[in-house]
Amino acid sequence: MLRIALLFGGIAGTGIILTTIIGLALNDGQHGSMLIGYLVMLVALSLIFVGVKRYRDQELGGVITFGKAFLVGLAISAVASLFYVVIWDIYLAATDYAYISDYAAGLLEAKRQAGASKDELAALAVQQEQIVKNYANPLFRIPVTFSEIFPVGLVVSLVSALLLRNRNFMPART
């Protein structure tokens, strides 16, 4: 199971974060659509389904319980999330941790262009300064980054376990 989790989780996590970093580079550091980000995660985390199916078919002879399938999916999700966190932190270090400051400045500018009042802008600036300060702390940043991806993997793990516990659902080819 560990081999499956490392393989499929590593590919999924690396794929998600590299797509994110490439997207940032192509958009001059501008934050893209949240919907696109979660769609990328969902597509890459579909490898959870593939990994659980492979484990069921190759290691367990085509039969897996819901609990075992869910655990395999969670293991893949955890590995993908860890890869995502580690590569993101490497990217942040390589870019002198400028992402969150640039992101906060972009939010302020968007509000300014939308016609926000000076009081609204001041309140948002204070809020964003606190977020930038918190994000500088790895004990804050790492769990936040992990929580961006792991819940998606949790849902995909649940759906995969529900489907693949049925031995007649996409049975192994013999």
N, C-alpha and C. Protein backbone atom coordinates (compact mmCIF):
# COMPACT_ATOMS: atom_id res chain seq x y z
N MET A 1 0.82 -1.19 0.00
CA MET A 1 0.00 0.00 0.00
C MET A 1 0.87 1.26 0.00
N LEU A 2 1.97 1.22 0.71
CA LEU A 2 2.85 2.38 0.77
C LEU A 2 3.38 2.76 -0.62
N ARG A 3 3.76 1.74 -1.39
CA ARG A 3 4.27 1.98 -2.74
C ARG A 3 3.21 2.66 -3.61
N ILE A 4 1.97 2.19 -3.51
CA ILE A 4 0.86 2.79 -4.27
C ILE A 4 0.65 4.24 -3.82
N ALA A 5 0.65 4.48 -2.51
CA ALA A 5 0.44 5.83 -1.98
C ALA A 5 1.54 6.78 -2.43
N LEU A 6 2.78 6.32 -2.36
CA LEU A 6 3.90 7.17 -2.77
C LEU A 6 3.87 7.46 -4.27
N LEU A 7 3.60 6.45 -5.06
CA LEU A 7 3.58 6.62 -6.51
C LEU A 7 2.46 7.56 -6.95
N PHE A 8 1.22 7.20 -6.62
CA PHE A 8 0.08 7.98 -7.10
C PHE A 8 -0.04 9.32 -6.38
N GLY A 9 0.26 9.35 -5.10
CA GLY A 9 0.23 10.61 -4.36
C GLY A 9 1.31 11.56 -4.83
N GLY A 10 2.50 11.02 -5.07
CA GLY A 10 3.61 11.85 -5.54
C GLY A 10 3.33 12.46 -6.90
N ILE A 11 2.78 11.65 -7.80
CA ILE A 11 2.45 12.16 -9.14
C ILE A 11 1.35 13.23 -9.04
N ALA A 12 0.31 12.95 -8.26
CA ALA A 12 -0.82 13.90 -8.14
C ALA A 12 -0.36 15.21 -7.50
N GLY A 13 0.32 15.12 -6.38
CA GLY A 13 0.75 16.34 -5.68
C GLY A 13 1.71 17.17 -6.50
N THR A 14 2.65 16.51 -7.14
CA THR A 14 3.62 17.22 -7.98
C THR A 14 2.92 17.85 -9.18
N GLY A 15 2.00 17.13 -9.78
CA GLY A 15 1.26 17.67 -10.93
C GLY A 15 0.45 18.90 -10.57
N ILE A 16 -0.20 18.86 -9.41
CA ILE A 16 -1.02 20.00 -8.99
C ILE A 16 -0.15 21.23 -8.74
N ILE A 17 0.90 21.06 -7.99
CA ILE A 17 1.70 22.23 -7.62
C ILE A 17 2.48 22.77 -8.82
N LEU A 18 2.96 21.90 -9.70
CA LEU A 18 3.65 22.39 -10.89
C LEU A 18 2.70 23.15 -11.81
N THR A 19 1.47 22.67 -11.93
CA THR A 19 0.47 23.38 -12.72
C THR A 19 0.19 24.74 -12.10
N THR A 20 0.10 24.79 -10.78
CA THR A 20 -0.12 26.06 -10.08
C THR A 20 1.02 27.03 -10.31
N ILE A 21 2.24 26.55 -10.16
CA ILE A 21 3.42 27.41 -10.32
C ILE A 21 3.55 27.89 -11.77
N ILE A 22 3.31 27.01 -12.71
CA ILE A 22 3.36 27.40 -14.13
C ILE A 22 2.28 28.44 -14.41
N GLY A 23 1.09 28.25 -13.84
CA GLY A 23 0.02 29.22 -14.00
C GLY A 23 0.39 30.58 -13.44
N LEU A 24 1.03 30.59 -12.27
CA LEU A 24 1.49 31.85 -11.69
C LEU A 24 2.54 32.52 -12.59
N ALA A 25 3.45 31.72 -13.12
CA ALA A 25 4.51 32.26 -13.98
C ALA A 25 3.92 32.85 -15.26
N LEU A 26 2.95 32.17 -15.84
CA LEU A 26 2.35 32.65 -17.08
C LEU A 26 1.46 33.87 -16.87
N ASN A 27 0.97 34.04 -15.64
CA ASN A 27 0.11 35.19 -15.33
C ASN A 27 0.84 36.27 -14.56
N ASP A 28 2.16 36.31 -14.68
CA ASP A 28 2.99 37.31 -13.99
C ASP A 28 2.69 37.36 -12.50
N GLY A 29 2.52 36.19 -11.88
CA GLY A 29 2.31 36.12 -10.45
C GLY A 29 0.88 36.42 -10.01
N GLN A 30 0.01 36.73 -10.96
CA GLN A 30 -1.38 37.01 -10.59
C GLN A 30 -2.09 35.72 -10.25
N HIS A 31 -2.86 35.77 -9.18
CA HIS A 31 -3.60 34.61 -8.72
C HIS A 31 -4.70 34.29 -9.72
N GLY A 32 -4.79 33.04 -10.14
CA GLY A 32 -5.79 32.64 -11.11
C GLY A 32 -7.13 32.34 -10.46
N SER A 33 -8.01 31.79 -11.22
CA SER A 33 -9.34 31.44 -10.77
C SER A 33 -9.29 30.31 -9.75
N MET A 34 -10.04 30.46 -8.65
CA MET A 34 -10.11 29.41 -7.65
C MET A 34 -10.78 28.16 -8.25
N LEU A 35 -11.75 28.38 -9.11
CA LEU A 35 -12.43 27.26 -9.76
C LEU A 35 -11.44 26.43 -10.58
N ILE A 36 -10.60 27.10 -11.35
CA ILE A 36 -9.59 26.40 -12.16
C ILE A 36 -8.64 25.64 -11.25
N GLY A 37 -8.23 26.25 -10.15
CA GLY A 37 -7.33 25.59 -9.21
C GLY A 37 -7.93 24.31 -8.65
N TYR A 38 -9.19 24.35 -8.27
CA TYR A 38 -9.82 23.15 -7.71
C TYR A 38 -10.10 22.12 -8.80
N LEU A 39 -10.36 22.57 -10.02
CA LEU A 39 -10.52 21.60 -11.12
C LEU A 39 -9.20 20.87 -11.39
N VAL A 40 -8.09 21.60 -11.35
CA VAL A 40 -6.77 20.97 -11.51
C VAL A 40 -6.56 19.93 -10.41
N MET A 41 -6.90 20.31 -9.17
CA MET A 41 -6.76 19.36 -8.06
C MET A 41 -7.62 18.13 -8.28
N LEU A 42 -8.86 18.34 -8.69
CA LEU A 42 -9.77 17.22 -8.89
C LEU A 42 -9.27 16.28 -9.99
N VAL A 43 -8.80 16.84 -11.08
CA VAL A 43 -8.27 16.01 -12.17
C VAL A 43 -7.05 15.22 -11.70
N ALA A 44 -6.10 15.90 -11.06
CA ALA A 44 -4.89 15.21 -10.60
C ALA A 44 -5.22 14.19 -9.51
N LEU A 45 -6.15 14.54 -8.63
CA LEU A 45 -6.48 13.62 -7.54
C LEU A 45 -7.37 12.46 -8.01
N SER A 46 -7.75 12.46 -9.28
CA SER A 46 -8.43 11.28 -9.82
C SER A 46 -7.47 10.08 -9.81
N LEU A 47 -6.19 10.37 -9.63
CA LEU A 47 -5.22 9.29 -9.47
C LEU A 47 -5.47 8.48 -8.20
N ILE A 48 -6.22 9.05 -7.26
CA ILE A 48 -6.62 8.28 -6.08
C ILE A 48 -7.45 7.09 -6.52
N PHE A 49 -8.42 7.34 -7.39
CA PHE A 49 -9.26 6.27 -7.91
C PHE A 49 -8.41 5.21 -8.61
N VAL A 50 -7.50 5.67 -9.45
CA VAL A 50 -6.63 4.75 -10.19
C VAL A 50 -5.77 3.93 -9.22
N GLY A 51 -5.22 4.58 -8.21
CA GLY A 51 -4.38 3.89 -7.24
C GLY A 51 -5.15 2.87 -6.42
N VAL A 52 -6.35 3.24 -5.97
CA VAL A 52 -7.17 2.31 -5.19
C VAL A 52 -7.57 1.12 -6.07
N LYS A 53 -7.94 1.40 -7.30
CA LYS A 53 -8.32 0.30 -8.21
C LYS A 53 -7.13 -0.63 -8.46
N ARG A 54 -5.98 -0.03 -8.69
CA ARG A 54 -4.79 -0.86 -8.91
C ARG A 54 -4.50 -1.74 -7.68
N TYR A 55 -4.60 -1.14 -6.50
CA TYR A 55 -4.37 -1.89 -5.26
C TYR A 55 -5.39 -3.02 -5.13
N ARG A 56 -6.66 -2.70 -5.40
CA ARG A 56 -7.72 -3.72 -5.33
C ARG A 56 -7.44 -4.85 -6.30
N ASP A 57 -7.13 -4.52 -7.53
CA ASP A 57 -7.00 -5.52 -8.58
C ASP A 57 -5.70 -6.31 -8.50
N GLN A 58 -4.58 -5.64 -8.21
CA GLN A 58 -3.29 -6.31 -8.26
C GLN A 58 -2.87 -6.90 -6.92
N GLU A 59 -3.21 -6.24 -5.83
CA GLU A 59 -2.75 -6.71 -4.53
C GLU A 59 -3.78 -7.56 -3.80
N LEU A 60 -5.07 -7.30 -4.06
CA LEU A 60 -6.12 -7.96 -3.29
C LEU A 60 -7.00 -8.87 -4.15
N GLY A 61 -6.60 -9.16 -5.33
CA GLY A 61 -7.34 -10.10 -6.17
C GLY A 61 -8.71 -9.60 -6.63
N GLY A 62 -8.90 -8.30 -6.71
CA GLY A 62 -10.15 -7.75 -7.24
C GLY A 62 -11.22 -7.47 -6.21
N VAL A 63 -10.92 -7.65 -4.93
CA VAL A 63 -11.91 -7.42 -3.88
C VAL A 63 -11.29 -6.51 -2.81
N ILE A 64 -12.03 -5.47 -2.43
CA ILE A 64 -11.56 -4.56 -1.39
C ILE A 64 -12.75 -4.08 -0.57
N THR A 65 -12.55 -3.94 0.72
CA THR A 65 -13.60 -3.41 1.57
C THR A 65 -13.61 -1.89 1.47
N PHE A 66 -14.73 -1.30 1.89
CA PHE A 66 -14.82 0.15 1.89
C PHE A 66 -13.72 0.75 2.75
N GLY A 67 -13.52 0.21 3.94
CA GLY A 67 -12.52 0.75 4.87
C GLY A 67 -11.12 0.70 4.31
N LYS A 68 -10.75 -0.42 3.72
CA LYS A 68 -9.40 -0.56 3.14
C LYS A 68 -9.24 0.39 1.95
N ALA A 69 -10.26 0.47 1.10
CA ALA A 69 -10.20 1.37 -0.06
C ALA A 69 -10.09 2.83 0.40
N PHE A 70 -10.84 3.18 1.44
CA PHE A 70 -10.80 4.54 1.95
C PHE A 70 -9.42 4.85 2.54
N LEU A 71 -8.83 3.91 3.25
CA LEU A 71 -7.49 4.11 3.81
C LEU A 71 -6.43 4.28 2.73
N VAL A 72 -6.53 3.49 1.67
CA VAL A 72 -5.59 3.63 0.56
C VAL A 72 -5.76 5.02 -0.07
N GLY A 73 -7.01 5.43 -0.27
CA GLY A 73 -7.27 6.76 -0.83
C GLY A 73 -6.75 7.87 0.07
N LEU A 74 -6.94 7.72 1.38
CA LEU A 74 -6.42 8.72 2.32
C LEU A 74 -4.90 8.78 2.30
N ALA A 75 -4.26 7.62 2.17
CA ALA A 75 -2.80 7.59 2.10
C ALA A 75 -2.31 8.31 0.85
N ILE A 76 -2.96 8.07 -0.27
CA ILE A 76 -2.60 8.76 -1.51
C ILE A 76 -2.83 10.26 -1.35
N SER A 77 -3.97 10.63 -0.74
CA SER A 77 -4.28 12.04 -0.50
C SER A 77 -3.24 12.71 0.37
N ALA A 78 -2.83 12.02 1.43
CA ALA A 78 -1.84 12.58 2.36
C ALA A 78 -0.51 12.79 1.65
N VAL A 79 -0.08 11.81 0.86
CA VAL A 79 1.18 11.95 0.13
C VAL A 79 1.08 13.10 -0.88
N ALA A 80 -0.02 13.17 -1.61
CA ALA A 80 -0.20 14.26 -2.58
C ALA A 80 -0.16 15.61 -1.87
N SER A 81 -0.81 15.70 -0.73
CA SER A 81 -0.83 16.94 0.03
C SER A 81 0.56 17.31 0.53
N LEU A 82 1.30 16.33 0.99
CA LEU A 82 2.67 16.59 1.46
C LEU A 82 3.57 17.06 0.32
N PHE A 83 3.47 16.41 -0.83
CA PHE A 83 4.25 16.85 -1.99
C PHE A 83 3.88 18.30 -2.33
N TYR A 84 2.60 18.59 -2.33
CA TYR A 84 2.11 19.93 -2.63
C TYR A 84 2.71 20.95 -1.66
N VAL A 85 2.67 20.65 -0.37
CA VAL A 85 3.18 21.55 0.66
C VAL A 85 4.69 21.77 0.50
N VAL A 86 5.43 20.68 0.33
CA VAL A 86 6.89 20.79 0.24
C VAL A 86 7.30 21.58 -0.99
N ILE A 87 6.72 21.27 -2.13
CA ILE A 87 7.11 21.98 -3.36
C ILE A 87 6.67 23.44 -3.30
N TRP A 88 5.51 23.72 -2.71
CA TRP A 88 5.06 25.10 -2.57
C TRP A 88 6.03 25.88 -1.68
N ASP A 89 6.46 25.27 -0.59
CA ASP A 89 7.40 25.97 0.30
C ASP A 89 8.74 26.20 -0.39
N ILE A 90 9.19 25.27 -1.20
CA ILE A 90 10.42 25.47 -1.97
C ILE A 90 10.23 26.63 -2.94
N TYR A 91 9.09 26.66 -3.61
CA TYR A 91 8.79 27.77 -4.53
C TYR A 91 8.78 29.11 -3.79
N LEU A 92 8.13 29.14 -2.64
CA LEU A 92 8.09 30.38 -1.86
C LEU A 92 9.50 30.84 -1.49
N ALA A 93 10.32 29.91 -1.02
CA ALA A 93 11.70 30.26 -0.65
C ALA A 93 12.47 30.78 -1.86
N ALA A 94 12.27 30.15 -3.01
CA ALA A 94 12.98 30.56 -4.23
C ALA A 94 12.55 31.94 -4.71
N THR A 95 11.33 32.34 -4.36
CA THR A 95 10.82 33.64 -4.79
C THR A 95 10.80 34.64 -3.64
N ASP A 96 11.58 34.38 -2.62
CA ASP A 96 11.73 35.26 -1.46
C ASP A 96 10.39 35.54 -0.77
N TYR A 97 9.52 34.54 -0.77
CA TYR A 97 8.23 34.62 -0.07
C TYR A 97 7.39 35.82 -0.50
N ALA A 98 7.52 36.22 -1.74
CA ALA A 98 6.81 37.40 -2.25
C ALA A 98 5.34 37.11 -2.58
N TYR A 99 4.97 35.85 -2.74
CA TYR A 99 3.62 35.51 -3.20
C TYR A 99 2.53 36.16 -2.36
N ILE A 100 2.58 35.96 -1.05
CA ILE A 100 1.47 36.42 -0.22
C ILE A 100 1.39 37.94 -0.18
N SER A 101 2.53 38.62 -0.19
CA SER A 101 2.51 40.09 -0.24
C SER A 101 1.92 40.57 -1.56
N ASP A 102 2.32 39.95 -2.64
CA ASP A 102 1.78 40.31 -3.96
C ASP A 102 0.28 40.02 -4.03
N TYR A 103 -0.12 38.91 -3.45
CA TYR A 103 -1.54 38.53 -3.44
C TYR A 103 -2.35 39.56 -2.65
N ALA A 104 -1.85 39.94 -1.47
CA ALA A 104 -2.54 40.94 -0.65
C ALA A 104 -2.63 42.28 -1.38
N ALA A 105 -1.55 42.69 -2.01
CA ALA A 105 -1.55 43.94 -2.77
C ALA A 105 -2.55 43.89 -3.92
N GLY A 106 -2.66 42.73 -4.56
CA GLY A 106 -3.62 42.56 -5.65
C GLY A 106 -5.06 42.67 -5.17
N LEU A 107 -5.34 42.12 -3.99
CA LEU A 107 -6.68 42.25 -3.43
C LEU A 107 -7.02 43.70 -3.13
N LEU A 108 -6.07 44.41 -2.54
CA LEU A 108 -6.28 45.84 -2.24
C LEU A 108 -6.53 46.64 -3.52
N GLU A 109 -5.73 46.37 -4.54
CA GLU A 109 -5.88 47.09 -5.80
C GLU A 109 -7.23 46.79 -6.45
N ALA A 110 -7.66 45.53 -6.39
CA ALA A 110 -8.96 45.16 -6.97
C ALA A 110 -10.10 45.88 -6.25
N LYS A 111 -10.01 45.97 -4.92
CA LYS A 111 -11.03 46.69 -4.14
C LYS A 111 -11.01 48.19 -4.46
N ARG A 112 -9.80 48.72 -4.61
CA ARG A 112 -9.65 50.14 -4.93
C ARG A 112 -10.30 50.43 -6.28
N GLN A 113 -10.03 49.60 -7.26
CA GLN A 113 -10.59 49.79 -8.60
C GLN A 113 -12.09 49.58 -8.62
N ALA A 114 -12.60 48.78 -7.67
CA ALA A 114 -14.03 48.54 -7.59
C ALA A 114 -14.76 49.68 -6.88
N GLY A 115 -13.97 50.67 -6.39
CA GLY A 115 -14.58 51.85 -5.80
C GLY A 115 -14.81 51.75 -4.30
N ALA A 116 -14.05 50.93 -3.61
CA ALA A 116 -14.18 50.81 -2.16
C ALA A 116 -13.82 52.13 -1.49
N SER A 117 -14.46 52.38 -0.36
CA SER A 117 -14.18 53.61 0.38
C SER A 117 -12.82 53.52 1.08
N LYS A 118 -12.33 54.66 1.55
CA LYS A 118 -11.05 54.68 2.25
C LYS A 118 -11.11 53.83 3.52
N ASP A 119 -12.24 53.86 4.20
CA ASP A 119 -12.39 53.05 5.42
C ASP A 119 -12.36 51.55 5.10
N GLU A 120 -13.03 51.17 4.02
CA GLU A 120 -13.03 49.77 3.62
C GLU A 120 -11.62 49.32 3.22
N LEU A 121 -10.92 50.18 2.49
CA LEU A 121 -9.55 49.87 2.08
C LEU A 121 -8.62 49.77 3.28
N ALA A 122 -8.80 50.67 4.25
CA ALA A 122 -7.96 50.65 5.45
C ALA A 122 -8.20 49.36 6.24
N ALA A 123 -9.46 48.97 6.38
CA ALA A 123 -9.78 47.74 7.11
C ALA A 123 -9.21 46.52 6.39
N LEU A 124 -9.33 46.49 5.07
CA LEU A 124 -8.78 45.38 4.29
C LEU A 124 -7.26 45.35 4.39
N ALA A 125 -6.64 46.53 4.38
CA ALA A 125 -5.17 46.59 4.49
C ALA A 125 -4.70 46.02 5.81
N VAL A 126 -5.39 46.34 6.90
CA VAL A 126 -5.04 45.79 8.22
C VAL A 126 -5.20 44.27 8.22
N GLN A 127 -6.29 43.81 7.66
CA GLN A 127 -6.54 42.37 7.59
C GLN A 127 -5.45 41.67 6.77
N GLN A 128 -5.10 42.24 5.63
CA GLN A 128 -4.10 41.63 4.76
C GLN A 128 -2.70 41.66 5.40
N GLU A 129 -2.40 42.72 6.14
CA GLU A 129 -1.11 42.78 6.84
C GLU A 129 -0.99 41.64 7.85
N GLN A 130 -2.09 41.34 8.52
CA GLN A 130 -2.09 40.23 9.49
C GLN A 130 -1.92 38.89 8.78
N ILE A 131 -2.56 38.74 7.65
CA ILE A 131 -2.43 37.50 6.89
C ILE A 131 -0.98 37.32 6.41
N VAL A 132 -0.38 38.39 5.91
CA VAL A 132 1.02 38.34 5.46
C VAL A 132 1.92 37.95 6.63
N LYS A 133 1.68 38.55 7.78
CA LYS A 133 2.47 38.24 8.97
C LYS A 133 2.29 36.77 9.37
N ASN A 134 1.05 36.30 9.40
CA ASN A 134 0.79 34.89 9.75
C ASN A 134 1.42 33.93 8.75
N TYR A 135 1.33 34.29 7.47
CA TYR A 135 1.84 33.41 6.41
C TYR A 135 3.36 33.26 6.48
N ALA A 136 4.03 34.21 7.08
CA ALA A 136 5.48 34.12 7.24
C ALA A 136 5.87 33.03 8.24
N ASN A 137 4.94 32.64 9.10
CA ASN A 137 5.18 31.61 10.10
C ASN A 137 4.87 30.23 9.49
N PRO A 138 5.87 29.34 9.39
CA PRO A 138 5.61 28.02 8.80
C PRO A 138 4.57 27.20 9.59
N LEU A 139 4.42 27.46 10.88
CA LEU A 139 3.42 26.74 11.66
C LEU A 139 2.00 27.16 11.29
N PHE A 140 1.87 28.30 10.64
CA PHE A 140 0.60 28.74 10.09
C PHE A 140 0.49 28.32 8.62
N ARG A 141 1.54 28.63 7.86
CA ARG A 141 1.53 28.44 6.41
C ARG A 141 1.36 26.98 6.00
N ILE A 142 2.08 26.08 6.64
CA ILE A 142 2.07 24.67 6.23
C ILE A 142 0.68 24.04 6.42
N PRO A 143 0.04 24.19 7.58
CA PRO A 143 -1.32 23.63 7.70
C PRO A 143 -2.32 24.27 6.74
N VAL A 144 -2.18 25.57 6.51
CA VAL A 144 -3.08 26.24 5.56
C VAL A 144 -2.90 25.65 4.17
N THR A 145 -1.66 25.49 3.75
CA THR A 145 -1.37 24.93 2.43
C THR A 145 -1.89 23.49 2.33
N PHE A 146 -1.66 22.70 3.37
CA PHE A 146 -2.15 21.31 3.40
C PHE A 146 -3.68 21.28 3.28
N SER A 147 -4.34 22.22 3.96
CA SER A 147 -5.80 22.22 3.97
C SER A 147 -6.40 22.69 2.64
N GLU A 148 -5.58 23.21 1.75
CA GLU A 148 -6.08 23.59 0.43
C GLU A 148 -6.37 22.36 -0.43
N ILE A 149 -5.60 21.33 -0.25
CA ILE A 149 -5.69 20.18 -1.14
C ILE A 149 -6.30 18.94 -0.47
N PHE A 150 -6.00 18.71 0.80
CA PHE A 150 -6.40 17.46 1.44
C PHE A 150 -7.92 17.23 1.44
N PRO A 151 -8.76 18.24 1.69
CA PRO A 151 -10.20 17.97 1.65
C PRO A 151 -10.69 17.47 0.30
N VAL A 152 -10.09 17.95 -0.77
CA VAL A 152 -10.46 17.46 -2.11
C VAL A 152 -10.09 15.98 -2.21
N GLY A 153 -8.91 15.63 -1.74
CA GLY A 153 -8.49 14.23 -1.73
C GLY A 153 -9.38 13.37 -0.85
N LEU A 154 -9.85 13.92 0.24
CA LEU A 154 -10.75 13.20 1.14
C LEU A 154 -12.05 12.83 0.42
N VAL A 155 -12.61 13.79 -0.31
CA VAL A 155 -13.85 13.53 -1.06
C VAL A 155 -13.60 12.50 -2.16
N VAL A 156 -12.51 12.64 -2.89
CA VAL A 156 -12.21 11.69 -3.96
C VAL A 156 -11.97 10.30 -3.37
N SER A 157 -11.33 10.22 -2.21
CA SER A 157 -11.11 8.95 -1.53
C SER A 157 -12.43 8.29 -1.15
N LEU A 158 -13.34 9.09 -0.63
CA LEU A 158 -14.65 8.58 -0.23
C LEU A 158 -15.42 8.03 -1.43
N VAL A 159 -15.47 8.80 -2.50
CA VAL A 159 -16.18 8.36 -3.71
C VAL A 159 -15.51 7.12 -4.29
N SER A 160 -14.19 7.10 -4.33
CA SER A 160 -13.47 5.94 -4.86
C SER A 160 -13.77 4.69 -4.05
N ALA A 161 -13.76 4.83 -2.72
CA ALA A 161 -14.03 3.69 -1.85
C ALA A 161 -15.45 3.18 -2.03
N LEU A 162 -16.39 4.10 -2.16
CA LEU A 162 -17.79 3.71 -2.36
C LEU A 162 -17.96 2.93 -3.67
N LEU A 163 -17.30 3.38 -4.71
CA LEU A 163 -17.44 2.72 -6.01
C LEU A 163 -16.66 1.40 -6.08
N LEU A 164 -15.43 1.43 -5.62
CA LEU A 164 -14.54 0.28 -5.83
C LEU A 164 -14.75 -0.86 -4.84
N ARG A 165 -15.53 -0.64 -3.79
CA ARG A 165 -15.82 -1.75 -2.87
C ARG A 165 -16.68 -2.81 -3.56
N ASN A 166 -17.36 -2.41 -4.63
CA ASN A 166 -18.16 -3.34 -5.42
C ASN A 166 -17.24 -4.03 -6.42
N ARG A 167 -17.05 -5.31 -6.23
CA ARG A 167 -16.12 -6.05 -7.11
C ARG A 167 -16.56 -6.06 -8.57
N ASN A 168 -17.83 -5.80 -8.82
CA ASN A 168 -18.35 -5.79 -10.19
C ASN A 168 -18.17 -4.42 -10.86
N PHE A 169 -17.76 -3.42 -10.12
CA PHE A 169 -17.52 -2.10 -10.70
C PHE A 169 -16.13 -2.07 -11.29
N MET A 170 -16.05 -1.97 -12.58
CA MET A 170 -14.77 -1.97 -13.30
C MET A 170 -13.86 -3.11 -12.83
N PRO A 171 -14.33 -4.34 -13.02
CA PRO A 171 -13.51 -5.48 -12.57
C PRO A 171 -12.18 -5.56 -13.33
N ALA A 172 -11.23 -6.21 -12.68
CA ALA A 172 -9.92 -6.39 -13.30
C ALA A 172 -10.05 -7.23 -14.55
N ARG A 173 -9.27 -6.90 -15.55
CA ARG A 173 -9.25 -7.70 -16.78
C ARG A 173 -8.38 -8.92 -16.55
N THR A 174 -8.84 -10.03 -17.00
CA THR A 174 -8.06 -11.27 -16.82
C THR A 174 -7.52 -11.80 -18.10
